Amino acid sequence: MNRNKRPLAVTILACVYIAVGTIGLVYHVGELHGANPFEYGALSVEATELVAIVCGAFMLPGHNWARWVAVAWMAFHVILSAFHSLGQFAIHLLFLAVIAWFLFRPDAARYFRGARTEPT
């Protein structure tokens, strides 16, 4: 299948998701060694980090569902940050807006749609 060229913004965002997920996974793995990893939600934090890695990995080859999950992942962080400081909420909301803007621009939409619309 002849795919459209991947936009640089998609490549960068996918790599950021992979990096953030990996760093978070490594950072929070110590919480799993406690007496009860369910007590503080350590497993759910690790699952959230794995979702980021999967989103990034599947955005690279142009899987449309991955960009939607990536935006949902960031929206989830916006909701979580609403329970913290206004500054955290604002920065997460800004990140969400920037990520959504880059992932739903026309060039990105063409990439995630694939080469179906190109003449043969």
C-alpha atoms as a PDB file:
ATOM      1  CA  MET A   1       0.000   0.000   0.000  1.00  0.00           C
ATOM      2  CA  ASN A   2       1.427   3.366  -0.994  1.00  0.00           C
ATOM      3  CA  ARG A   3       1.207   5.515   2.159  1.00  0.00           C
ATOM      4  CA  ASN A   4       1.350   9.283   2.323  1.00  0.00           C
ATOM      5  CA  LYS A   5       4.507  10.741   3.801  1.00  0.00           C
ATOM      6  CA  ARG A   6       4.221  11.012   7.572  1.00  0.00           C
ATOM      7  CA  PRO A   7       4.015  14.649   8.726  1.00  0.00           C
ATOM      8  CA  LEU A   8       6.889  15.727  10.961  1.00  0.00           C
ATOM      9  CA  ALA A   9       4.439  16.762  13.702  1.00  0.00           C
ATOM     10  CA  VAL A  10       3.012  13.221  13.831  1.00  0.00           C
ATOM     11  CA  THR A  11       6.511  11.757  14.076  1.00  0.00           C
ATOM     12  CA  ILE A  12       7.457  14.138  16.874  1.00  0.00           C
ATOM     13  CA  LEU A  13       4.221  13.581  18.818  1.00  0.00           C
ATOM     14  CA  ALA A  14       4.474   9.797  18.441  1.00  0.00           C
ATOM     15  CA  CYS A  15       8.041   9.880  19.756  1.00  0.00           C
ATOM     16  CA  VAL A  16       7.009  12.145  22.638  1.00  0.00           C
ATOM     17  CA  TYR A  17       4.220   9.722  23.589  1.00  0.00           C
ATOM     18  CA  ILE A  18       6.655   6.796  23.490  1.00  0.00           C
ATOM     19  CA  ALA A  19       9.230   8.712  25.543  1.00  0.00           C
ATOM     20  CA  VAL A  20       6.744  10.022  28.117  1.00  0.00           C
ATOM     21  CA  GLY A  21       5.200   6.578  28.497  1.00  0.00           C
ATOM     22  CA  THR A  22       8.571   4.882  28.864  1.00  0.00           C
ATOM     23  CA  ILE A  23       9.920   7.430  31.331  1.00  0.00           C
ATOM     24  CA  GLY A  24       6.703   7.268  33.363  1.00  0.00           C
ATOM     25  CA  LEU A  25       6.738   3.482  33.312  1.00  0.00           C
ATOM     26  CA  VAL A  26      10.306   3.357  34.625  1.00  0.00           C
ATOM     27  CA  TYR A  27       9.714   6.152  37.134  1.00  0.00           C
ATOM     28  CA  HIS A  28       6.609   4.563  38.647  1.00  0.00           C
ATOM     29  CA  VAL A  29       7.734   0.912  38.571  1.00  0.00           C
ATOM     30  CA  GLY A  30       9.081   1.278  42.107  1.00  0.00           C
ATOM     31  CA  GLU A  31       5.530   1.778  43.350  1.00  0.00           C
ATOM     32  CA  LEU A  32       4.708  -1.787  42.290  1.00  0.00           C
ATOM     33  CA  HIS A  33       7.172  -3.234  44.799  1.00  0.00           C
ATOM     34  CA  GLY A  34       5.150  -1.983  47.766  1.00  0.00           C
ATOM     35  CA  ALA A  35       3.110  -4.250  49.995  1.00  0.00           C
ATOM     36  CA  ASN A  36      -0.077  -3.518  48.066  1.00  0.00           C
ATOM     37  CA  PRO A  37       0.292  -2.005  44.584  1.00  0.00           C
ATOM     38  CA  PHE A  38      -3.502  -1.655  44.344  1.00  0.00           C
ATOM     39  CA  GLU A  39      -3.624   0.680  47.356  1.00  0.00           C
ATOM     40  CA  TYR A  40      -2.270   3.730  45.535  1.00  0.00           C
ATOM     41  CA  GLY A  41      -3.309   2.796  42.021  1.00  0.00           C
ATOM     42  CA  ALA A  42       0.209   1.847  40.944  1.00  0.00           C
ATOM     43  CA  LEU A  43      -1.077  -0.673  38.417  1.00  0.00           C
ATOM     44  CA  SER A  44      -3.451   1.843  36.866  1.00  0.00           C
ATOM     45  CA  VAL A  45      -0.609   4.378  36.568  1.00  0.00           C
ATOM     46  CA  GLU A  46       1.547   1.777  34.816  1.00  0.00           C
ATOM     47  CA  ALA A  47      -1.361   0.853  32.515  1.00  0.00           C
ATOM     48  CA  THR A  48      -1.784   4.522  31.634  1.00  0.00           C
ATOM     49  CA  GLU A  49       1.899   4.744  30.728  1.00  0.00           C
ATOM     50  CA  LEU A  50       1.593   1.640  28.550  1.00  0.00           C
ATOM     51  CA  VAL A  51      -1.314   3.262  26.707  1.00  0.00           C
ATOM     52  CA  ALA A  52       0.929   6.224  25.856  1.00  0.00           C
ATOM     53  CA  ILE A  53       3.624   3.905  24.490  1.00  0.00           C
ATOM     54  CA  VAL A  54       1.100   1.952  22.404  1.00  0.00           C
ATOM     55  CA  CYS A  55      -0.423   5.177  21.029  1.00  0.00           C
ATOM     56  CA  GLY A  56       2.960   6.480  19.962  1.00  0.00           C
ATOM     57  CA  ALA A  57       4.027   3.198  18.428  1.00  0.00           C
ATOM     58  CA  PHE A  58       0.837   2.840  16.402  1.00  0.00           C
ATOM     59  CA  MET A  59       0.676   6.481  15.325  1.00  0.00           C
ATOM     60  CA  LEU A  60       3.996   6.059  13.509  1.00  0.00           C
ATOM     61  CA  PRO A  61       2.595   3.630  10.892  1.00  0.00           C
ATOM     62  CA  GLY A  62      -0.609   5.700  10.605  1.00  0.00           C
ATOM     63  CA  HIS A  63      -3.233   3.811  12.604  1.00  0.00           C
ATOM     64  CA  ASN A  64      -6.153   6.219  12.947  1.00  0.00           C
ATOM     65  CA  TRP A  65      -7.412   4.750  16.225  1.00  0.00           C
ATOM     66  CA  ALA A  66      -4.032   5.569  17.836  1.00  0.00           C
ATOM     67  CA  ARG A  67      -4.406   9.306  17.310  1.00  0.00           C
ATOM     68  CA  TRP A  68      -7.885   9.213  18.863  1.00  0.00           C
ATOM     69  CA  VAL A  69      -6.614   7.278  21.874  1.00  0.00           C
ATOM     70  CA  ALA A  70      -3.677   9.692  22.155  1.00  0.00           C
ATOM     71  CA  VAL A  71      -6.072  12.644  22.349  1.00  0.00           C
ATOM     72  CA  ALA A  72      -8.272  10.762  24.839  1.00  0.00           C
ATOM     73  CA  TRP A  73      -5.158   9.968  26.907  1.00  0.00           C
ATOM     74  CA  MET A  74      -4.330  13.674  27.102  1.00  0.00           C
ATOM     75  CA  ALA A  75      -7.970  14.573  27.863  1.00  0.00           C
ATOM     76  CA  PHE A  76      -7.824  12.079  30.747  1.00  0.00           C
ATOM     77  CA  HIS A  77      -4.810  13.977  32.103  1.00  0.00           C
ATOM     78  CA  VAL A  78      -6.705  17.257  31.774  1.00  0.00           C
ATOM     79  CA  ILE A  79      -9.502  15.791  33.905  1.00  0.00           C
ATOM     80  CA  LEU A  80      -7.019  14.484  36.492  1.00  0.00           C
ATOM     81  CA  SER A  81      -5.207  17.815  36.654  1.00  0.00           C
ATOM     82  CA  ALA A  82      -8.496  19.605  37.337  1.00  0.00           C
ATOM     83  CA  PHE A  83      -8.282  18.090  40.827  1.00  0.00           C
ATOM     84  CA  HIS A  84      -4.850  19.656  41.373  1.00  0.00           C
ATOM     85  CA  SER A  85      -3.720  23.211  40.803  1.00  0.00           C
ATOM     86  CA  LEU A  86      -5.090  25.651  38.255  1.00  0.00           C
ATOM     87  CA  GLY A  87      -1.616  25.821  36.701  1.00  0.00           C
ATOM     88  CA  GLN A  88      -1.489  22.059  36.113  1.00  0.00           C
ATOM     89  CA  PHE A  89      -4.967  22.138  34.639  1.00  0.00           C
ATOM     90  CA  ALA A  90      -4.079  25.034  32.316  1.00  0.00           C
ATOM     91  CA  ILE A  91      -0.857  23.467  31.030  1.00  0.00           C
ATOM     92  CA  HIS A  92      -2.524  20.088  30.408  1.00  0.00           C
ATOM     93  CA  LEU A  93      -5.376  21.837  28.602  1.00  0.00           C
ATOM     94  CA  LEU A  94      -2.863  23.719  26.464  1.00  0.00           C
ATOM     95  CA  PHE A  95      -1.028  20.460  25.662  1.00  0.00           C
ATOM     96  CA  LEU A  96      -4.345  18.850  24.702  1.00  0.00           C
ATOM     97  CA  ALA A  97      -5.211  21.719  22.355  1.00  0.00           C
ATOM     98  CA  VAL A  98      -1.784  21.643  20.679  1.00  0.00           C
ATOM     99  CA  ILE A  99      -1.776  17.846  20.331  1.00  0.00           C
ATOM    100  CA  ALA A 100      -5.298  17.780  18.897  1.00  0.00           C
ATOM    101  CA  TRP A 101      -4.464  20.614  16.502  1.00  0.00           C
ATOM    102  CA  PHE A 102      -1.412  18.794  15.140  1.00  0.00           C
ATOM    103  CA  LEU A 103      -3.091  15.382  14.931  1.00  0.00           C
ATOM    104  CA  PHE A 104      -6.206  16.645  13.137  1.00  0.00           C
ATOM    105  CA  ARG A 105      -4.631  19.067  10.653  1.00  0.00           C
ATOM    106  CA  PRO A 106      -5.355  18.215   6.996  1.00  0.00           C
ATOM    107  CA  ASP A 107      -1.896  16.720   6.360  1.00  0.00           C
ATOM    108  CA  ALA A 108      -2.190  14.484   9.426  1.00  0.00           C
ATOM    109  CA  ALA A 109      -5.752  13.503   8.503  1.00  0.00           C
ATOM    110  CA  ARG A 110      -4.526  12.460   5.046  1.00  0.00           C
ATOM    111  CA  TYR A 111      -1.723  10.438   6.613  1.00  0.00           C
ATOM    112  CA  PHE A 112      -4.030   8.620   9.013  1.00  0.00           C
ATOM    113  CA  ARG A 113      -6.554   8.032   6.226  1.00  0.00           C
ATOM    114  CA  GLY A 114      -3.835   6.473   4.099  1.00  0.00           C
ATOM    115  CA  ALA A 115      -3.574   6.421   0.341  1.00  0.00           C
ATOM    116  CA  ARG A 116      -7.205   5.407  -0.302  1.00  0.00           C
ATOM    117  CA  THR A 117      -8.088   8.775  -1.811  1.00  0.00           C
ATOM    118  CA  GLU A 118      -5.154   8.883  -4.214  1.00  0.00           C
ATOM    119  CA  PRO A 119      -5.835   7.982  -7.867  1.00  0.00           C
ATOM    120  CA  THR A 120      -4.368   4.685  -9.035  1.00  0.00           C
END
